[in-house]
Each structure stands twice: as structure tokens, then as C-alpha cells.
Amino acid sequence: MENIKLIANNKKAYHDYFVEDTYEAGISLKGTEVKSLRMGKCNIKEAFIKDRNGEMFVYGMNISPYEKGNIFNRDPLRIRKLLLHKDEIRKITQKTSQQGYTVIPLKVYFKDSLCKVEIGLCKGKKLYDKREAIAKKDQKREAERDLKIRNLKQ
């Protein structure tokens, strides 16, 4: 049985992109970063992932310094290596070489005792796609509200 504890979720990614494929990757952390993550101090809203020399790295992922970490704290915005299989990296780099594809972190979580990052292969949404998604969400919310009111009257 897997024990999953969510640390950070990138809701903005689902609003700005069509997520076509997801991968689970480990992340290389140093020193007090794990303790800071256990306290839930992580921000991935501005983060993105790039391929460098056949390895994947996450840029802009903010892990706040651990309060009791003093000299052992690292730079909160440092570049961190993602741990993926070579065939996964090859698939991702082939897709990102195509026009309009990007790779971004969707979630950061602990799976049992290991820190994992769910990354998504995404294609950017146009403005009219975003408006369409918002309209669908509003219609769904309105329908649920009507159903709830109807159930309360009975």
C-alpha cells in the first residue's frame, strides 16, 4: 500500500496547458531540503523542466530554507536534477523538440519516504481555450448547485 503525502500542486499548469502525458520522477535533494519539504515549504508555480546533456533538470522550483538549518541550507531556487529512466528522457526530449511542447512539474509529493515529482508533457492553451475551459467549469458548478437546491426542496 502506497502512502502518498502531497506537498505542492501546480493548479495553474492545468489552466495554462493541455497536459498530454505525465511521468513520475525522483528528485535529487541536498541537506536540509528534505526537512523543508516535509514541512510543506515548496512552490512550483514558476518552475519548468529542461533537458541538458541527456539529463532532466528542474528550474525555478522554490524550496524555502529550513529554519533550523543555518549553514547547511542551500539556495532555494537552485537547479535540481530529476531522476528518470533514459528511455523516458528520450521520449520527452523527442516530444519537446516539436513545436509548442514544454515540460513542467505538476505535483511534488512523498511516496512512502521518497520525494517524487510528477512532471507533465504539455502543450500551451490559447486564450479561447482557457475561456472555453472556464465556461465549462461554470456550467458544471451551476448544474451541481441546481441539483443541490432541488434535492433540498424535496
C-alpha atoms as a PDB file:
ATOM      1  CA  MET A   1       0.000   0.000   0.000  1.00  0.00           C
ATOM      2  CA  GLU A   2       1.461   3.307  -1.099  1.00  0.00           C
ATOM      3  CA  ASN A   3       1.447   6.177   1.354  1.00  0.00           C
ATOM      4  CA  ILE A   4       1.293   9.485  -0.578  1.00  0.00           C
ATOM      5  CA  LYS A   5       1.561  12.915   1.065  1.00  0.00           C
ATOM      6  CA  LEU A   6       1.042  15.866  -1.287  1.00  0.00           C
ATOM      7  CA  ILE A   7       3.424  18.800  -0.765  1.00  0.00           C
ATOM      8  CA  ALA A   8       2.801  21.142  -3.706  1.00  0.00           C
ATOM      9  CA  ASN A   9       0.291  21.163  -6.551  1.00  0.00           C
ATOM     10  CA  ASN A  10       0.530  23.266  -9.712  1.00  0.00           C
ATOM     11  CA  LYS A  11      -3.124  24.131 -10.453  1.00  0.00           C
ATOM     12  CA  LYS A  12      -2.054  26.900 -12.811  1.00  0.00           C
ATOM     13  CA  ALA A  13      -0.495  24.320 -15.133  1.00  0.00           C
ATOM     14  CA  TYR A  14      -3.883  22.732 -15.843  1.00  0.00           C
ATOM     15  CA  HIS A  15      -5.292  26.172 -16.618  1.00  0.00           C
ATOM     16  CA  ASP A  16      -2.481  27.258 -18.947  1.00  0.00           C
ATOM     17  CA  TYR A  17      -1.642  23.946 -20.663  1.00  0.00           C
ATOM     18  CA  PHE A  18      -3.141  20.778 -22.107  1.00  0.00           C
ATOM     19  CA  VAL A  19      -1.397  18.002 -20.158  1.00  0.00           C
ATOM     20  CA  GLU A  20      -0.822  15.213 -22.672  1.00  0.00           C
ATOM     21  CA  ASP A  21       1.390  12.821 -20.725  1.00  0.00           C
ATOM     22  CA  THR A  22       2.639  12.508 -17.147  1.00  0.00           C
ATOM     23  CA  TYR A  23       5.758  10.909 -15.684  1.00  0.00           C
ATOM     24  CA  GLU A  24       6.845  10.253 -12.117  1.00  0.00           C
ATOM     25  CA  ALA A  25      10.408  11.327 -11.387  1.00  0.00           C
ATOM     26  CA  GLY A  26      12.621  11.275  -8.343  1.00  0.00           C
ATOM     27  CA  ILE A  27      14.425  14.456  -7.405  1.00  0.00           C
ATOM     28  CA  SER A  28      17.992  14.893  -6.216  1.00  0.00           C
ATOM     29  CA  LEU A  29      17.921  16.889  -2.972  1.00  0.00           C
ATOM     30  CA  LYS A  30      20.705  18.009  -0.641  1.00  0.00           C
ATOM     31  CA  GLY A  31      20.951  18.581   3.080  1.00  0.00           C
ATOM     32  CA  THR A  32      18.036  20.283   4.761  1.00  0.00           C
ATOM     33  CA  GLU A  33      15.838  20.468   1.632  1.00  0.00           C
ATOM     34  CA  VAL A  34      14.062  17.231   2.617  1.00  0.00           C
ATOM     35  CA  LYS A  35      13.196  18.613   6.067  1.00  0.00           C
ATOM     36  CA  SER A  36      11.866  21.766   4.471  1.00  0.00           C
ATOM     37  CA  LEU A  37       9.746  19.692   2.068  1.00  0.00           C
ATOM     38  CA  ARG A  38       8.364  17.632   4.957  1.00  0.00           C
ATOM     39  CA  MET A  39       7.157  20.922   6.448  1.00  0.00           C
ATOM     40  CA  GLY A  40       5.410  21.664   3.120  1.00  0.00           C
ATOM     41  CA  LYS A  41       7.546  24.635   2.097  1.00  0.00           C
ATOM     42  CA  CYS A  42       7.714  24.263  -1.666  1.00  0.00           C
ATOM     43  CA  ASN A  43       6.463  26.348  -4.599  1.00  0.00           C
ATOM     44  CA  ILE A  44       6.369  25.064  -8.201  1.00  0.00           C
ATOM     45  CA  LYS A  45       4.186  27.711  -9.855  1.00  0.00           C
ATOM     46  CA  GLU A  46       7.063  29.296 -11.788  1.00  0.00           C
ATOM     47  CA  ALA A  47       9.035  26.064 -12.326  1.00  0.00           C
ATOM     48  CA  PHE A  48       9.889  24.435 -15.651  1.00  0.00           C
ATOM     49  CA  ILE A  49      11.993  21.486 -16.784  1.00  0.00           C
ATOM     50  CA  LYS A  50      14.764  21.394 -19.378  1.00  0.00           C
ATOM     51  CA  ASP A  51      16.986  18.723 -20.877  1.00  0.00           C
ATOM     52  CA  ARG A  52      20.740  19.270 -20.501  1.00  0.00           C
ATOM     53  CA  ASN A  53      23.280  16.706 -21.768  1.00  0.00           C
ATOM     54  CA  GLY A  54      20.771  13.839 -21.670  1.00  0.00           C
ATOM     55  CA  GLU A  55      19.600  14.658 -18.127  1.00  0.00           C
ATOM     56  CA  MET A  56      16.488  16.490 -16.950  1.00  0.00           C
ATOM     57  CA  PHE A  57      16.713  19.443 -14.557  1.00  0.00           C
ATOM     58  CA  VAL A  58      14.008  21.485 -12.839  1.00  0.00           C
ATOM     59  CA  TYR A  59      14.493  25.266 -12.824  1.00  0.00           C
ATOM     60  CA  GLY A  60      12.660  27.772 -10.632  1.00  0.00           C
ATOM     61  CA  MET A  61      11.399  25.292  -8.040  1.00  0.00           C
ATOM     62  CA  ASN A  62      11.440  27.176  -4.741  1.00  0.00           C
ATOM     63  CA  ILE A  63      12.158  25.090  -1.639  1.00  0.00           C
ATOM     64  CA  SER A  64      12.282  27.536   1.280  1.00  0.00           C
ATOM     65  CA  PRO A  65      15.331  27.269   3.552  1.00  0.00           C
ATOM     66  CA  TYR A  66      14.896  25.118   6.654  1.00  0.00           C
ATOM     67  CA  GLU A  67      14.523  27.368   9.713  1.00  0.00           C
ATOM     68  CA  LYS A  68      16.964  25.408  11.887  1.00  0.00           C
ATOM     69  CA  GLY A  69      19.364  24.605   9.058  1.00  0.00           C
ATOM     70  CA  ASN A  70      21.839  27.509   9.488  1.00  0.00           C
ATOM     71  CA  ILE A  71      24.949  26.916   7.311  1.00  0.00           C
ATOM     72  CA  PHE A  72      23.592  23.712   5.748  1.00  0.00           C
ATOM     73  CA  ASN A  73      20.794  25.487   3.858  1.00  0.00           C
ATOM     74  CA  ARG A  74      21.108  25.616   0.074  1.00  0.00           C
ATOM     75  CA  ASP A  75      19.958  28.244  -2.417  1.00  0.00           C
ATOM     76  CA  PRO A  76      16.127  27.965  -2.530  1.00  0.00           C
ATOM     77  CA  LEU A  77      15.994  28.366  -6.336  1.00  0.00           C
ATOM     78  CA  ARG A  78      18.939  26.156  -7.263  1.00  0.00           C
ATOM     79  CA  ILE A  79      18.726  23.840 -10.265  1.00  0.00           C
ATOM     80  CA  ARG A  80      17.786  20.290  -9.201  1.00  0.00           C
ATOM     81  CA  LYS A  81      18.338  17.081 -11.138  1.00  0.00           C
ATOM     82  CA  LEU A  82      15.377  14.825 -11.882  1.00  0.00           C
ATOM     83  CA  LEU A  83      15.834  11.070 -11.745  1.00  0.00           C
ATOM     84  CA  LEU A  84      14.257   9.427 -14.787  1.00  0.00           C
ATOM     85  CA  HIS A  85      14.995   6.383 -16.931  1.00  0.00           C
ATOM     86  CA  LYS A  86      16.920   7.023 -20.153  1.00  0.00           C
ATOM     87  CA  ASP A  87      14.036   5.877 -22.374  1.00  0.00           C
ATOM     88  CA  GLU A  88      11.672   8.289 -20.587  1.00  0.00           C
ATOM     89  CA  ILE A  89      14.142  11.139 -21.093  1.00  0.00           C
ATOM     90  CA  ARG A  90      14.469  10.200 -24.767  1.00  0.00           C
ATOM     91  CA  LYS A  91      10.673  10.231 -25.263  1.00  0.00           C
ATOM     92  CA  ILE A  92      10.326  13.576 -23.511  1.00  0.00           C
ATOM     93  CA  THR A  93      13.138  15.243 -25.469  1.00  0.00           C
ATOM     94  CA  GLN A  94      11.708  13.993 -28.778  1.00  0.00           C
ATOM     95  CA  LYS A  95       8.317  15.486 -27.918  1.00  0.00           C
ATOM     96  CA  THR A  96       9.730  18.799 -26.662  1.00  0.00           C
ATOM     97  CA  SER A  97      11.718  19.246 -29.855  1.00  0.00           C
ATOM     98  CA  GLN A  98       8.339  19.564 -31.606  1.00  0.00           C
ATOM     99  CA  GLN A  99       6.756  22.997 -31.740  1.00  0.00           C
ATOM    100  CA  GLY A 100       4.674  24.081 -28.745  1.00  0.00           C
ATOM    101  CA  TYR A 101       5.555  21.344 -26.240  1.00  0.00           C
ATOM    102  CA  THR A 102       7.015  22.032 -22.810  1.00  0.00           C
ATOM    103  CA  VAL A 103       7.658  20.049 -19.643  1.00  0.00           C
ATOM    104  CA  ILE A 104       6.518  21.380 -16.277  1.00  0.00           C
ATOM    105  CA  PRO A 105       6.180  19.952 -12.753  1.00  0.00           C
ATOM    106  CA  LEU A 106       2.579  19.242 -11.778  1.00  0.00           C
ATOM    107  CA  LYS A 107       2.928  17.878  -8.230  1.00  0.00           C
ATOM    108  CA  VAL A 108       5.558  17.343  -5.574  1.00  0.00           C
ATOM    109  CA  TYR A 109       4.801  14.609  -3.059  1.00  0.00           C
ATOM    110  CA  PHE A 110       6.261  11.980  -0.762  1.00  0.00           C
ATOM    111  CA  LYS A 111       5.608   8.424  -1.868  1.00  0.00           C
ATOM    112  CA  ASP A 112       6.365   6.272   1.167  1.00  0.00           C
ATOM    113  CA  SER A 113       9.588   8.033   2.247  1.00  0.00           C
ATOM    114  CA  LEU A 114      10.834   9.176  -1.175  1.00  0.00           C
ATOM    115  CA  CYS A 115      10.272  12.626  -2.635  1.00  0.00           C
ATOM    116  CA  LYS A 116       8.736  12.443  -6.110  1.00  0.00           C
ATOM    117  CA  VAL A 117       7.797  14.992  -8.760  1.00  0.00           C
ATOM    118  CA  GLU A 118       5.005  14.362 -11.244  1.00  0.00           C
ATOM    119  CA  ILE A 119       6.001  16.051 -14.475  1.00  0.00           C
ATOM    120  CA  GLY A 120       3.711  16.716 -17.396  1.00  0.00           C
ATOM    121  CA  LEU A 121       4.396  16.932 -21.102  1.00  0.00           C
ATOM    122  CA  CYS A 122       2.214  19.885 -22.006  1.00  0.00           C
ATOM    123  CA  LYS A 123       1.070  21.955 -24.935  1.00  0.00           C
ATOM    124  CA  GLY A 124       0.123  25.589 -24.351  1.00  0.00           C
ATOM    125  CA  LYS A 125      -3.511  26.683 -24.433  1.00  0.00           C
ATOM    126  CA  LYS A 126      -4.664  29.638 -26.463  1.00  0.00           C
ATOM    127  CA  LEU A 127      -6.801  32.330 -24.844  1.00  0.00           C
ATOM    128  CA  TYR A 128     -10.027  30.986 -26.359  1.00  0.00           C
ATOM    129  CA  ASP A 129      -9.232  27.504 -24.987  1.00  0.00           C
ATOM    130  CA  LYS A 130      -8.900  28.973 -21.489  1.00  0.00           C
ATOM    131  CA  ARG A 131     -12.209  30.801 -21.838  1.00  0.00           C
ATOM    132  CA  GLU A 132     -13.863  27.591 -23.020  1.00  0.00           C
ATOM    133  CA  ALA A 133     -12.499  25.673 -20.008  1.00  0.00           C
ATOM    134  CA  ILE A 134     -13.734  28.371 -17.607  1.00  0.00           C
ATOM    135  CA  ALA A 135     -17.191  28.335 -19.237  1.00  0.00           C
ATOM    136  CA  LYS A 136     -17.423  24.524 -18.881  1.00  0.00           C
ATOM    137  CA  LYS A 137     -16.371  24.731 -15.241  1.00  0.00           C
ATOM    138  CA  ASP A 138     -19.020  27.415 -14.577  1.00  0.00           C
ATOM    139  CA  GLN A 139     -21.730  25.312 -16.263  1.00  0.00           C
ATOM    140  CA  LYS A 140     -20.768  22.279 -14.190  1.00  0.00           C
ATOM    141  CA  ARG A 141     -20.792  24.324 -10.968  1.00  0.00           C
ATOM    142  CA  GLU A 142     -24.211  25.803 -11.883  1.00  0.00           C
ATOM    143  CA  ALA A 143     -25.650  22.351 -12.617  1.00  0.00           C
ATOM    144  CA  GLU A 144     -24.377  20.990  -9.294  1.00  0.00           C
ATOM    145  CA  ARG A 145     -25.883  23.969  -7.455  1.00  0.00           C
ATOM    146  CA  ASP A 146     -29.274  23.449  -9.159  1.00  0.00           C
ATOM    147  CA  LEU A 147     -29.187  19.745  -8.299  1.00  0.00           C
ATOM    148  CA  LYS A 148     -28.348  20.532  -4.675  1.00  0.00           C
ATOM    149  CA  ILE A 149     -31.220  23.060  -4.420  1.00  0.00           C
ATOM    150  CA  ARG A 150     -33.621  20.576  -5.997  1.00  0.00           C
ATOM    151  CA  ASN A 151     -32.581  17.876  -3.502  1.00  0.00           C
ATOM    152  CA  LEU A 152     -33.022  20.248  -0.546  1.00  0.00           C
ATOM    153  CA  LYS A 153     -36.594  21.150  -1.575  1.00  0.00           C
ATOM    154  CA  GLN A 154     -37.707  17.522  -1.637  1.00  0.00           C
END
